[in-house]
Amino acid sequence: MASSSPLTGVILVDCARANASEGLETAAERCGYGNDTAKFQTALRTACSEMNVEIEGLSDLEDDDPAAVRAERGMVVAPDTPSEL
């Protein structure tokens, strides 16, 4: 869902990261910058800089391997069936 106004700060970085795999144009639109990718990139770099995170571009926010990231967070332990609870 696209934002109705341009996002800033941590919210912009979160939105950009969530949409990074969709490409620059899609991320800019969903973060409220419409077709203005240059303004989006400037705002994103500024927001990251304020968080002391340096990026070259949107691709720096993409997960290299989402499955590996999930695996690093821990393992899900659950019974095979509800009757084994």
PDB file of N, CA and C in Angstrom:
ATOM      1  N   MET A   1       0.843  -1.169   0.000  1.00  0.00           N
ATOM      2  CA  MET A   1       0.000   0.000   0.000  1.00  0.00           C
ATOM      3  C   MET A   1       0.892   1.237   0.000  1.00  0.00           C
ATOM      4  N   ALA A   2       0.616   2.150  -0.854  1.00  0.00           N
ATOM      5  CA  ALA A   2       1.414   3.366  -0.980  1.00  0.00           C
ATOM      6  C   ALA A   2       0.999   4.388   0.074  1.00  0.00           C
ATOM      7  N   SER A   3       1.996   5.094   0.584  1.00  0.00           N
ATOM      8  CA  SER A   3       1.731   6.152   1.544  1.00  0.00           C
ATOM      9  C   SER A   3       1.152   7.362   0.818  1.00  0.00           C
ATOM     10  N   SER A   4       0.253   8.086   1.477  1.00  0.00           N
ATOM     11  CA  SER A   4      -0.355   9.252   0.849  1.00  0.00           C
ATOM     12  C   SER A   4       0.559  10.477   0.902  1.00  0.00           C
ATOM     13  N   SER A   5       1.551  10.460   1.802  1.00  0.00           N
ATOM     14  CA  SER A   5       2.523  11.548   1.866  1.00  0.00           C
ATOM     15  C   SER A   5       3.906  10.935   2.031  1.00  0.00           C
ATOM     16  N   PRO A   6       4.950  11.643   1.627  1.00  0.00           N
ATOM     17  CA  PRO A   6       6.299  11.089   1.703  1.00  0.00           C
ATOM     18  C   PRO A   6       6.707  10.732   3.136  1.00  0.00           C
ATOM     19  N   LEU A   7       7.182   9.527   3.291  1.00  0.00           N
ATOM     20  CA  LEU A   7       7.650   9.078   4.600  1.00  0.00           C
ATOM     21  C   LEU A   7       9.030   9.649   4.881  1.00  0.00           C
ATOM     22  N   THR A   8       9.398   9.704   6.151  1.00  0.00           N
ATOM     23  CA  THR A   8      10.710  10.191   6.557  1.00  0.00           C
ATOM     24  C   THR A   8      11.223   9.344   7.712  1.00  0.00           C
ATOM     25  N   GLY A   9      12.497   9.520   8.026  1.00  0.00           N
ATOM     26  CA  GLY A   9      13.097   8.887   9.193  1.00  0.00           C
ATOM     27  C   GLY A   9      13.066   7.374   9.162  1.00  0.00           C
ATOM     28  N   VAL A  10      12.928   6.810  10.346  1.00  0.00           N
ATOM     29  CA  VAL A  10      12.942   5.354  10.511  1.00  0.00           C
ATOM     30  C   VAL A  10      11.817   4.701   9.723  1.00  0.00           C
ATOM     31  N   ILE A  11      10.667   5.353   9.655  1.00  0.00           N
ATOM     32  CA  ILE A  11       9.534   4.793   8.916  1.00  0.00           C
ATOM     33  C   ILE A  11       9.866   4.671   7.436  1.00  0.00           C
ATOM     34  N   LEU A  12      10.559   5.656   6.887  1.00  0.00           N
ATOM     35  CA  LEU A  12      10.983   5.597   5.483  1.00  0.00           C
ATOM     36  C   LEU A  12      11.937   4.432   5.272  1.00  0.00           C
ATOM     37  N   VAL A  13      12.907   4.286   6.152  1.00  0.00           N
ATOM     38  CA  VAL A  13      13.888   3.201   6.014  1.00  0.00           C
ATOM     39  C   VAL A  13      13.192   1.842   6.099  1.00  0.00           C
ATOM     40  N   ASP A  14      12.272   1.692   7.039  1.00  0.00           N
ATOM     41  CA  ASP A  14      11.527   0.432   7.161  1.00  0.00           C
ATOM     42  C   ASP A  14      10.724   0.127   5.904  1.00  0.00           C
ATOM     43  N   CYS A  15      10.039   1.133   5.385  1.00  0.00           N
ATOM     44  CA  CYS A  15       9.238   0.950   4.173  1.00  0.00           C
ATOM     45  C   CYS A  15      10.133   0.619   2.981  1.00  0.00           C
ATOM     46  N   ALA A  16      11.232   1.346   2.853  1.00  0.00           N
ATOM     47  CA  ALA A  16      12.154   1.111   1.737  1.00  0.00           C
ATOM     48  C   ALA A  16      12.733  -0.292   1.807  1.00  0.00           C
ATOM     49  N   ARG A  17      13.094  -0.724   3.001  1.00  0.00           N
ATOM     50  CA  ARG A  17      13.668  -2.064   3.166  1.00  0.00           C
ATOM     51  C   ARG A  17      12.633  -3.136   2.809  1.00  0.00           C
ATOM     52  N   ALA A  18      11.393  -2.923   3.229  1.00  0.00           N
ATOM     53  CA  ALA A  18      10.336  -3.888   2.941  1.00  0.00           C
ATOM     54  C   ALA A  18      10.041  -3.996   1.446  1.00  0.00           C
ATOM     55  N   ASN A  19      10.303  -2.920   0.700  1.00  0.00           N
ATOM     56  CA  ASN A  19       9.987  -2.900  -0.729  1.00  0.00           C
ATOM     57  C   ASN A  19      11.218  -2.925  -1.626  1.00  0.00           C
ATOM     58  N   ALA A  20      12.395  -3.049  -1.059  1.00  0.00           N
ATOM     59  CA  ALA A  20      13.641  -2.983  -1.834  1.00  0.00           C
ATOM     60  C   ALA A  20      13.701  -4.023  -2.945  1.00  0.00           C
ATOM     61  N   SER A  21      13.211  -5.217  -2.678  1.00  0.00           N
ATOM     62  CA  SER A  21      13.284  -6.276  -3.691  1.00  0.00           C
ATOM     63  C   SER A  21      12.359  -6.020  -4.874  1.00  0.00           C
ATOM     64  N   GLU A  22      11.402  -5.109  -4.718  1.00  0.00           N
ATOM     65  CA  GLU A  22      10.467  -4.782  -5.797  1.00  0.00           C
ATOM     66  C   GLU A  22      11.048  -3.767  -6.783  1.00  0.00           C
ATOM     67  N   GLY A  23      12.153  -3.133  -6.407  1.00  0.00           N
ATOM     68  CA  GLY A  23      12.785  -2.169  -7.299  1.00  0.00           C
ATOM     69  C   GLY A  23      12.594  -0.733  -6.839  1.00  0.00           C
ATOM     70  N   LEU A  24      13.415   0.140  -7.396  1.00  0.00           N
ATOM     71  CA  LEU A  24      13.450   1.543  -7.005  1.00  0.00           C
ATOM     72  C   LEU A  24      12.116   2.248  -7.227  1.00  0.00           C
ATOM     73  N   GLU A  25      11.528   2.095  -8.403  1.00  0.00           N
ATOM     74  CA  GLU A  25      10.286   2.801  -8.723  1.00  0.00           C
ATOM     75  C   GLU A  25       9.152   2.397  -7.790  1.00  0.00           C
ATOM     76  N   THR A  26       9.029   1.095  -7.538  1.00  0.00           N
ATOM     77  CA  THR A  26       7.970   0.599  -6.655  1.00  0.00           C
ATOM     78  C   THR A  26       8.189   1.071  -5.226  1.00  0.00           C
ATOM     79  N   ALA A  27       9.426   0.993  -4.745  1.00  0.00           N
ATOM     80  CA  ALA A  27       9.730   1.434  -3.383  1.00  0.00           C
ATOM     81  C   ALA A  27       9.448   2.923  -3.220  1.00  0.00           C
ATOM     82  N   ALA A  28       9.840   3.717  -4.206  1.00  0.00           N
ATOM     83  CA  ALA A  28       9.590   5.163  -4.138  1.00  0.00           C
ATOM     84  C   ALA A  28       8.096   5.450  -4.069  1.00  0.00           C
ATOM     85  N   GLU A  29       7.336   4.755  -4.890  1.00  0.00           N
ATOM     86  CA  GLU A  29       5.881   4.965  -4.911  1.00  0.00           C
ATOM     87  C   GLU A  29       5.251   4.564  -3.581  1.00  0.00           C
ATOM     88  N   ARG A  30       5.619   3.404  -3.069  1.00  0.00           N
ATOM     89  CA  ARG A  30       5.019   2.916  -1.829  1.00  0.00           C
ATOM     90  C   ARG A  30       5.438   3.728  -0.606  1.00  0.00           C
ATOM     91  N   CYS A  31       6.564   4.402  -0.699  1.00  0.00           N
ATOM     92  CA  CYS A  31       7.034   5.241   0.408  1.00  0.00           C
ATOM     93  C   CYS A  31       6.524   6.672   0.298  1.00  0.00           C
ATOM     94  N   GLY A  32       5.660   6.933  -0.694  1.00  0.00           N
ATOM     95  CA  GLY A  32       5.009   8.231  -0.803  1.00  0.00           C
ATOM     96  C   GLY A  32       5.701   9.237  -1.703  1.00  0.00           C
ATOM     97  N   TYR A  33       6.663   8.797  -2.510  1.00  0.00           N
ATOM     98  CA  TYR A  33       7.399   9.722  -3.378  1.00  0.00           C
ATOM     99  C   TYR A  33       6.964   9.649  -4.838  1.00  0.00           C
ATOM    100  N   GLY A  34       5.939   8.873  -5.114  1.00  0.00           N
ATOM    101  CA  GLY A  34       5.424   8.777  -6.480  1.00  0.00           C
ATOM    102  C   GLY A  34       6.498   8.360  -7.460  1.00  0.00           C
ATOM    103  N   ASN A  35       6.645   9.105  -8.546  1.00  0.00           N
ATOM    104  CA  ASN A  35       7.650   8.806  -9.573  1.00  0.00           C
ATOM    105  C   ASN A  35       8.968   9.525  -9.344  1.00  0.00           C
ATOM    106  N   ASP A  36       9.078  10.292  -8.273  1.00  0.00           N
ATOM    107  CA  ASP A  36      10.286  11.080  -8.004  1.00  0.00           C
ATOM    108  C   ASP A  36      11.333  10.231  -7.281  1.00  0.00           C
ATOM    109  N   THR A  37      12.007   9.366  -8.045  1.00  0.00           N
ATOM    110  CA  THR A  37      12.983   8.464  -7.445  1.00  0.00           C
ATOM    111  C   THR A  37      14.204   9.210  -6.905  1.00  0.00           C
ATOM    112  N   ALA A  38      14.566  10.330  -7.514  1.00  0.00           N
ATOM    113  CA  ALA A  38      15.717  11.095  -7.032  1.00  0.00           C
ATOM    114  C   ALA A  38      15.440  11.660  -5.634  1.00  0.00           C
ATOM    115  N   LYS A  39      14.251  12.213  -5.450  1.00  0.00           N
ATOM    116  CA  LYS A  39      13.873  12.754  -4.144  1.00  0.00           C
ATOM    117  C   LYS A  39      13.793  11.626  -3.112  1.00  0.00           C
ATOM    118  N   PHE A  40      13.273  10.481  -3.525  1.00  0.00           N
ATOM    119  CA  PHE A  40      13.191   9.309  -2.648  1.00  0.00           C
ATOM    120  C   PHE A  40      14.579   8.873  -2.197  1.00  0.00           C
ATOM    121  N   GLN A  41      15.504   8.767  -3.136  1.00  0.00           N
ATOM    122  CA  GLN A  41      16.856   8.334  -2.793  1.00  0.00           C
ATOM    123  C   GLN A  41      17.555   9.334  -1.865  1.00  0.00           C
ATOM    124  N   THR A  42      17.356  10.601  -2.104  1.00  0.00           N
ATOM    125  CA  THR A  42      17.945  11.626  -1.241  1.00  0.00           C
ATOM    126  C   THR A  42      17.379  11.521   0.172  1.00  0.00           C
ATOM    127  N   ALA A  43      16.057  11.393   0.274  1.00  0.00           N
ATOM    128  CA  ALA A  43      15.419  11.277   1.585  1.00  0.00           C
ATOM    129  C   ALA A  43      15.861   9.999   2.294  1.00  0.00           C
ATOM    130  N   LEU A  44      16.028   8.911   1.548  1.00  0.00           N
ATOM    131  CA  LEU A  44      16.455   7.644   2.128  1.00  0.00           C
ATOM    132  C   LEU A  44      17.883   7.741   2.657  1.00  0.00           C
ATOM    133  N   ARG A  45      18.770   8.339   1.879  1.00  0.00           N
ATOM    134  CA  ARG A  45      20.154   8.514   2.344  1.00  0.00           C
ATOM    135  C   ARG A  45      20.207   9.400   3.591  1.00  0.00           C
ATOM    136  N   THR A  46      19.394  10.453   3.603  1.00  0.00           N
ATOM    137  CA  THR A  46      19.345  11.347   4.758  1.00  0.00           C
ATOM    138  C   THR A  46      18.842  10.601   5.987  1.00  0.00           C
ATOM    139  N   ALA A  47      17.768   9.830   5.821  1.00  0.00           N
ATOM    140  CA  ALA A  47      17.210   9.075   6.946  1.00  0.00           C
ATOM    141  C   ALA A  47      18.218   8.056   7.474  1.00  0.00           C
ATOM    142  N   CYS A  48      18.903   7.382   6.580  1.00  0.00           N
ATOM    143  CA  CYS A  48      19.913   6.412   7.001  1.00  0.00           C
ATOM    144  C   CYS A  48      21.071   7.109   7.703  1.00  0.00           C
ATOM    145  N   SER A  49      21.487   8.232   7.174  1.00  0.00           N
ATOM    146  CA  SER A  49      22.572   8.996   7.775  1.00  0.00           C
ATOM    147  C   SER A  49      22.224   9.418   9.196  1.00  0.00           C
ATOM    148  N   GLU A  50      20.981   9.825   9.420  1.00  0.00           N
ATOM    149  CA  GLU A  50      20.526  10.209  10.760  1.00  0.00           C
ATOM    150  C   GLU A  50      20.557   9.032  11.725  1.00  0.00           C
ATOM    151  N   MET A  51      20.505   7.811  11.169  1.00  0.00           N
ATOM    152  CA  MET A  51      20.567   6.593  11.980  1.00  0.00           C
ATOM    153  C   MET A  51      22.002   6.059  12.055  1.00  0.00           C
ATOM    154  N   ASN A  52      22.954   6.822  11.500  1.00  0.00           N
ATOM    155  CA  ASN A  52      24.361   6.415  11.435  1.00  0.00           C
ATOM    156  C   ASN A  52      24.555   5.136  10.624  1.00  0.00           C
ATOM    157  N   VAL A  53      23.773   5.027   9.553  1.00  0.00           N
ATOM    158  CA  VAL A  53      23.885   3.912   8.618  1.00  0.00           C
ATOM    159  C   VAL A  53      24.179   4.508   7.253  1.00  0.00           C
ATOM    160  N   GLU A  54      25.261   4.052   6.645  1.00  0.00           N
ATOM    161  CA  GLU A  54      25.606   4.567   5.325  1.00  0.00           C
ATOM    162  C   GLU A  54      25.197   3.565   4.258  1.00  0.00           C
ATOM    163  N   ILE A  55      24.503   4.068   3.246  1.00  0.00           N
ATOM    164  CA  ILE A  55      24.096   3.230   2.122  1.00  0.00           C
ATOM    165  C   ILE A  55      24.479   3.930   0.825  1.00  0.00           C
ATOM    166  N   GLU A  56      24.705   3.130  -0.193  1.00  0.00           N
ATOM    167  CA  GLU A  56      24.951   3.668  -1.531  1.00  0.00           C
ATOM    168  C   GLU A  56      23.632   3.828  -2.276  1.00  0.00           C
ATOM    169  N   GLY A  57      22.713   2.923  -2.017  1.00  0.00           N
ATOM    170  CA  GLY A  57      21.424   2.955  -2.699  1.00  0.00           C
ATOM    171  C   GLY A  57      20.461   1.966  -2.084  1.00  0.00           C
ATOM    172  N   LEU A  58      19.305   1.857  -2.670  1.00  0.00           N
ATOM    173  CA  LEU A  58      18.248   0.994  -2.170  1.00  0.00           C
ATOM    174  C   LEU A  58      18.692  -0.459  -2.059  1.00  0.00           C
ATOM    175  N   SER A  59      19.504  -0.917  -2.968  1.00  0.00           N
ATOM    176  CA  SER A  59      19.923  -2.323  -2.964  1.00  0.00           C
ATOM    177  C   SER A  59      20.695  -2.691  -1.695  1.00  0.00           C
ATOM    178  N   ASP A  60      21.276  -1.722  -1.017  1.00  0.00           N
ATOM    179  CA  ASP A  60      21.984  -1.996   0.236  1.00  0.00           C
ATOM    180  C   ASP A  60      21.029  -2.430   1.348  1.00  0.00           C
ATOM    181  N   LEU A  61      19.748  -2.160   1.183  1.00  0.00           N
ATOM    182  CA  LEU A  61      18.758  -2.523   2.202  1.00  0.00           C
ATOM    183  C   LEU A  61      18.132  -3.889   1.953  1.00  0.00           C
ATOM    184  N   GLU A  62      18.403  -4.479   0.792  1.00  0.00           N
ATOM    185  CA  GLU A  62      17.825  -5.775   0.456  1.00  0.00           C
ATOM    186  C   GLU A  62      18.475  -6.881   1.278  1.00  0.00           C
ATOM    187  N   ASP A  63      17.662  -7.875   1.648  1.00  0.00           N
ATOM    188  CA  ASP A  63      18.195  -9.072   2.278  1.00  0.00           C
ATOM    189  C   ASP A  63      18.829  -9.910   1.188  1.00  0.00           C
ATOM    190  N   ASP A  64      20.073 -10.349   1.415  1.00  0.00           N
ATOM    191  CA  ASP A  64      20.739 -11.184   0.420  1.00  0.00           C
ATOM    192  C   ASP A  64      20.051 -12.534   0.282  1.00  0.00           C
ATOM    193  N   ASP A  65      19.695 -13.104   1.410  1.00  0.00           N
ATOM    194  CA  ASP A  65      19.041 -14.412   1.409  1.00  0.00           C
ATOM    195  C   ASP A  65      18.040 -14.437   2.556  1.00  0.00           C
ATOM    196  N   PRO A  66      16.785 -14.086   2.275  1.00  0.00           N
ATOM    197  CA  PRO A  66      15.783 -14.016   3.339  1.00  0.00           C
ATOM    198  C   PRO A  66      15.668 -15.293   4.163  1.00  0.00           C
ATOM    199  N   ALA A  67      15.844 -16.461   3.537  1.00  0.00           N
ATOM    200  CA  ALA A  67      15.754 -17.722   4.274  1.00  0.00           C
ATOM    201  C   ALA A  67      16.878 -17.823   5.301  1.00  0.00           C
ATOM    202  N   ALA A  68      18.065 -17.365   4.928  1.00  0.00           N
ATOM    203  CA  ALA A  68      19.194 -17.390   5.854  1.00  0.00           C
ATOM    204  C   ALA A  68      18.960 -16.443   7.023  1.00  0.00           C
ATOM    205  N   VAL A  69      18.353 -15.314   6.760  1.00  0.00           N
ATOM    206  CA  VAL A  69      18.063 -14.356   7.822  1.00  0.00           C
ATOM    207  C   VAL A  69      17.075 -14.963   8.806  1.00  0.00           C
ATOM    208  N   ARG A  70      16.049 -15.620   8.296  1.00  0.00           N
ATOM    209  CA  ARG A  70      15.078 -16.265   9.180  1.00  0.00           C
ATOM    210  C   ARG A  70      15.746 -17.349  10.004  1.00  0.00           C
ATOM    211  N   ALA A  71      16.646 -18.117   9.406  1.00  0.00           N
ATOM    212  CA  ALA A  71      17.328 -19.198  10.116  1.00  0.00           C
ATOM    213  C   ALA A  71      18.220 -18.645  11.226  1.00  0.00           C
ATOM    214  N   GLU A  72      18.810 -17.496  11.012  1.00  0.00           N
ATOM    215  CA  GLU A  72      19.668 -16.906  12.029  1.00  0.00           C
ATOM    216  C   GLU A  72      18.875 -16.442  13.243  1.00  0.00           C
ATOM    217  N   ARG A  73      17.616 -16.133  13.059  1.00  0.00           N
ATOM    218  CA  ARG A  73      16.785 -15.627  14.149  1.00  0.00           C
ATOM    219  C   ARG A  73      16.367 -16.725  15.116  1.00  0.00           C
ATOM    220  N   GLY A  74      16.486 -17.964  14.738  1.00  0.00           N
ATOM    221  CA  GLY A  74      16.112 -19.055  15.620  1.00  0.00           C
ATOM    222  C   GLY A  74      15.348 -20.134  14.895  1.00  0.00           C
ATOM    223  N   MET A  75      15.055 -21.159  15.627  1.00  0.00           N
ATOM    224  CA  MET A  75      14.374 -22.306  15.059  1.00  0.00           C
ATOM    225  C   MET A  75      13.000 -22.421  15.709  1.00  0.00           C
ATOM    226  N   VAL A  76      12.013 -22.763  14.932  1.00  0.00           N
ATOM    227  CA  VAL A  76      10.666 -22.944  15.451  1.00  0.00           C
ATOM    228  C   VAL A  76      10.558 -24.367  15.968  1.00  0.00           C
ATOM    229  N   VAL A  77      10.150 -24.496  17.225  1.00  0.00           N
ATOM    230  CA  VAL A  77       9.957 -25.805  17.824  1.00  0.00           C
ATOM    231  C   VAL A  77       8.476 -25.963  18.099  1.00  0.00           C
ATOM    232  N   ALA A  78       7.878 -26.954  17.450  1.00  0.00           N
ATOM    233  CA  ALA A  78       6.454 -27.178  17.601  1.00  0.00           C
ATOM    234  C   ALA A  78       6.156 -28.645  17.344  1.00  0.00           C
ATOM    235  N   PRO A  79       5.052 -29.131  17.937  1.00  0.00           N
ATOM    236  CA  PRO A  79       4.673 -30.529  17.682  1.00  0.00           C
ATOM    237  C   PRO A  79       4.223 -30.708  16.240  1.00  0.00           C
ATOM    238  N   ASP A  80       4.303 -31.940  15.765  1.00  0.00           N
ATOM    239  CA  ASP A  80       3.870 -32.249  14.400  1.00  0.00           C
ATOM    240  C   ASP A  80       2.363 -32.154  14.244  1.00  0.00           C
ATOM    241  N   THR A  81       1.640 -32.512  15.277  1.00  0.00           N
ATOM    242  CA  THR A  81       0.179 -32.468  15.211  1.00  0.00           C
ATOM    243  C   THR A  81      -0.369 -31.840  16.498  1.00  0.00           C
ATOM    244  N   PRO A  82      -1.606 -31.328  16.458  1.00  0.00           N
ATOM    245  CA  PRO A  82      -2.204 -30.744  17.666  1.00  0.00           C
ATOM    246  C   PRO A  82      -2.343 -31.755  18.815  1.00  0.00           C
ATOM    247  N   SER A  83      -2.512 -33.029  18.499  1.00  0.00           N
ATOM    248  CA  SER A  83      -2.671 -34.039  19.559  1.00  0.00           C
ATOM    249  C   SER A  83      -1.374 -34.264  20.329  1.00  0.00           C
ATOM    250  N   GLU A  84      -0.239 -33.840  19.791  1.00  0.00           N
ATOM    251  CA  GLU A  84       1.053 -34.009  20.470  1.00  0.00           C
ATOM    252  C   GLU A  84       1.372 -32.864  21.421  1.00  0.00           C
ATOM    253  N   LEU A  85       0.422 -31.935  21.597  1.00  0.00           N
ATOM    254  CA  LEU A  85       0.623 -30.843  22.540  1.00  0.00           C
ATOM    255  C   LEU A  85       0.683 -31.409  23.905  1.00  0.00           C
TER     256      LEU A  85
END
